[in-house]
Amino acid sequence: MKKRSGRRWTWADSLLVATVIALSVFLLAQDMSRSHQGHTGSLSVRVNGAETMRLDLSGRREVGVRGWQGDSVFEIRDGSVRMVESACPDKLCVRSGWISRPGESIVCLPNRVVLEIKASEGGPDAVNR
């Protein structure tokens, strides 16, 4: 018979595992609640480096803007923004998806269009993850 070597599981090990699990659940819940809060910021639209418009993020609408290569269309829906279509050849801006937090941006480099969410007064400028 082989003799079993090593330590046995103690109550301190159980306490440590339970603490780590509880802390993980708490931090995950905090992050999820923060990500579902609506941001009351605005959308800055820049073409060729100059801000052409600043829009409120509430409601639902599609907005078009004339870029260097042609028209770009973006959609605003309940505090989030996404590029729907653009005149650029690779469509990376369209595939970038929705943005909703201050500091996030969608850049269409060939068409020289930048969509950036700006924080409202007193809010955070950016969120690091």
Protein backbone atom coordinates (compact mmCIF):
# COMPACT_ATOMS: atom_id res chain seq x y z
CA MET A 1 0.00 0.00 0.00
CA LYS A 2 1.14 3.46 -0.81
CA LYS A 3 1.31 5.92 1.98
CA ARG A 4 -0.53 9.18 1.26
CA SER A 5 1.68 12.21 1.47
CA GLY A 6 0.73 15.86 1.70
CA ARG A 7 -1.47 18.03 3.79
CA ARG A 8 -5.11 17.47 4.58
CA TRP A 9 -7.82 20.05 3.94
CA THR A 10 -8.32 22.18 7.09
CA TRP A 11 -10.96 24.66 8.20
CA ALA A 12 -8.56 27.50 7.36
CA ASP A 13 -8.36 26.28 3.75
CA SER A 14 -12.16 26.24 3.56
CA LEU A 15 -12.33 29.74 5.02
CA LEU A 16 -9.81 31.03 2.48
CA VAL A 17 -11.68 29.51 -0.48
CA ALA A 18 -15.03 30.86 0.79
CA THR A 19 -13.53 34.34 1.22
CA VAL A 20 -12.07 34.37 -2.29
CA ILE A 21 -15.38 33.22 -3.80
CA ALA A 22 -17.39 35.82 -1.82
CA LEU A 23 -15.01 38.61 -2.84
CA SER A 24 -15.17 37.56 -6.50
CA VAL A 25 -18.97 37.55 -6.49
CA PHE A 26 -19.05 40.97 -4.79
CA LEU A 27 -16.63 42.54 -7.30
CA LEU A 28 -18.47 41.01 -10.26
CA ALA A 29 -21.80 42.37 -8.97
CA GLN A 30 -20.26 45.84 -8.53
CA ASP A 31 -18.90 45.83 -12.07
CA MET A 32 -22.20 44.66 -13.56
CA SER A 33 -24.23 47.29 -11.69
CA ARG A 34 -21.83 50.02 -12.83
CA SER A 35 -22.01 48.92 -16.46
CA HIS A 36 -25.84 48.97 -16.49
CA GLN A 37 -26.14 52.50 -15.12
CA GLY A 38 -27.15 54.99 -17.75
CA HIS A 39 -24.59 57.66 -18.55
CA THR A 40 -25.89 61.14 -19.12
CA GLY A 41 -23.03 62.23 -21.32
CA SER A 42 -23.03 63.52 -24.85
CA LEU A 43 -21.65 62.39 -28.18
CA SER A 44 -18.95 64.43 -29.84
CA VAL A 45 -18.78 63.99 -33.63
CA ARG A 46 -15.53 65.09 -35.27
CA VAL A 47 -14.78 65.25 -38.99
CA ASN A 48 -11.22 66.09 -40.11
CA GLY A 49 -10.36 66.91 -36.48
CA ALA A 50 -13.04 69.59 -36.04
CA GLU A 51 -16.10 68.97 -33.90
CA THR A 52 -19.10 69.24 -36.20
CA MET A 53 -21.82 68.36 -33.70
CA ARG A 54 -22.47 67.38 -30.11
CA LEU A 55 -25.55 65.25 -29.50
CA ASP A 56 -27.51 64.05 -26.49
CA LEU A 57 -27.43 60.26 -26.03
CA SER A 58 -31.07 59.86 -25.02
CA GLY A 59 -33.73 58.42 -27.29
CA ARG A 60 -33.39 56.58 -30.60
CA ARG A 61 -32.29 58.02 -33.91
CA GLU A 62 -29.95 57.65 -36.86
CA VAL A 63 -27.72 60.55 -37.83
CA GLY A 64 -25.67 61.02 -40.96
CA VAL A 65 -22.44 62.98 -41.31
CA ARG A 66 -20.39 63.78 -44.41
CA GLY A 67 -16.83 62.50 -44.08
CA TRP A 68 -13.76 62.81 -46.30
CA GLN A 69 -14.71 59.82 -48.49
CA GLY A 70 -18.49 60.05 -48.22
CA ASP A 71 -21.36 59.67 -45.78
CA SER A 72 -21.22 57.88 -42.44
CA VAL A 73 -24.40 56.95 -40.57
CA PHE A 74 -24.47 56.22 -36.85
CA GLU A 75 -27.27 55.14 -34.54
CA ILE A 76 -27.99 56.47 -31.05
CA ARG A 77 -30.10 54.19 -28.87
CA ASP A 78 -30.75 54.70 -25.14
CA GLY A 79 -27.31 56.00 -24.18
CA SER A 80 -25.30 53.89 -26.66
CA VAL A 81 -23.87 54.60 -30.10
CA ARG A 82 -22.77 52.48 -33.05
CA MET A 83 -21.70 53.14 -36.61
CA VAL A 84 -24.30 51.70 -38.99
CA GLU A 85 -22.61 52.37 -42.33
CA SER A 86 -19.65 54.28 -43.68
CA ALA A 87 -17.95 55.06 -46.97
CA CYS A 88 -14.67 53.48 -45.87
CA PRO A 89 -13.48 50.32 -47.66
CA ASP A 90 -12.75 48.05 -44.68
CA LYS A 91 -15.78 48.86 -42.45
CA LEU A 92 -13.83 48.43 -39.19
CA CYS A 93 -15.81 51.25 -37.64
CA VAL A 94 -19.08 49.46 -38.42
CA ARG A 95 -17.78 46.21 -36.92
CA SER A 96 -16.59 47.92 -33.73
CA GLY A 97 -20.08 47.64 -32.18
CA TRP A 98 -21.79 49.70 -29.50
CA ILE A 99 -20.09 52.17 -27.16
CA SER A 100 -21.72 53.68 -24.09
CA ARG A 101 -19.10 54.84 -21.57
CA PRO A 102 -17.36 58.22 -21.35
CA GLY A 103 -13.99 58.07 -23.09
CA GLU A 104 -14.97 55.32 -25.54
CA SER A 105 -14.79 56.15 -29.22
CA ILE A 106 -15.39 54.81 -32.71
CA VAL A 107 -12.87 55.94 -35.29
CA CYS A 108 -13.27 55.72 -39.06
CA LEU A 109 -9.78 56.66 -40.15
CA PRO A 110 -10.26 56.52 -43.95
CA ASN A 111 -13.38 58.71 -43.73
CA ARG A 112 -11.85 60.89 -40.95
CA VAL A 113 -14.89 60.59 -38.67
CA VAL A 114 -14.56 60.15 -34.89
CA LEU A 115 -17.46 59.47 -32.51
CA GLU A 116 -16.52 59.96 -28.86
CA ILE A 117 -18.65 59.84 -25.74
CA LYS A 118 -17.95 62.77 -23.45
CA ALA A 119 -18.82 62.78 -19.75
CA SER A 120 -21.42 65.12 -18.38
CA GLU A 121 -20.26 67.83 -16.01
CA GLY A 122 -18.97 66.28 -12.81
CA GLY A 123 -18.85 62.76 -14.26
CA PRO A 124 -15.80 60.66 -15.00
CA ASP A 125 -13.88 61.43 -18.18
CA ALA A 126 -12.90 57.82 -18.78
CA VAL A 127 -13.31 54.36 -17.25
CA ASN A 128 -10.28 52.08 -17.02
CA ARG A 129 -10.75 48.34 -16.90
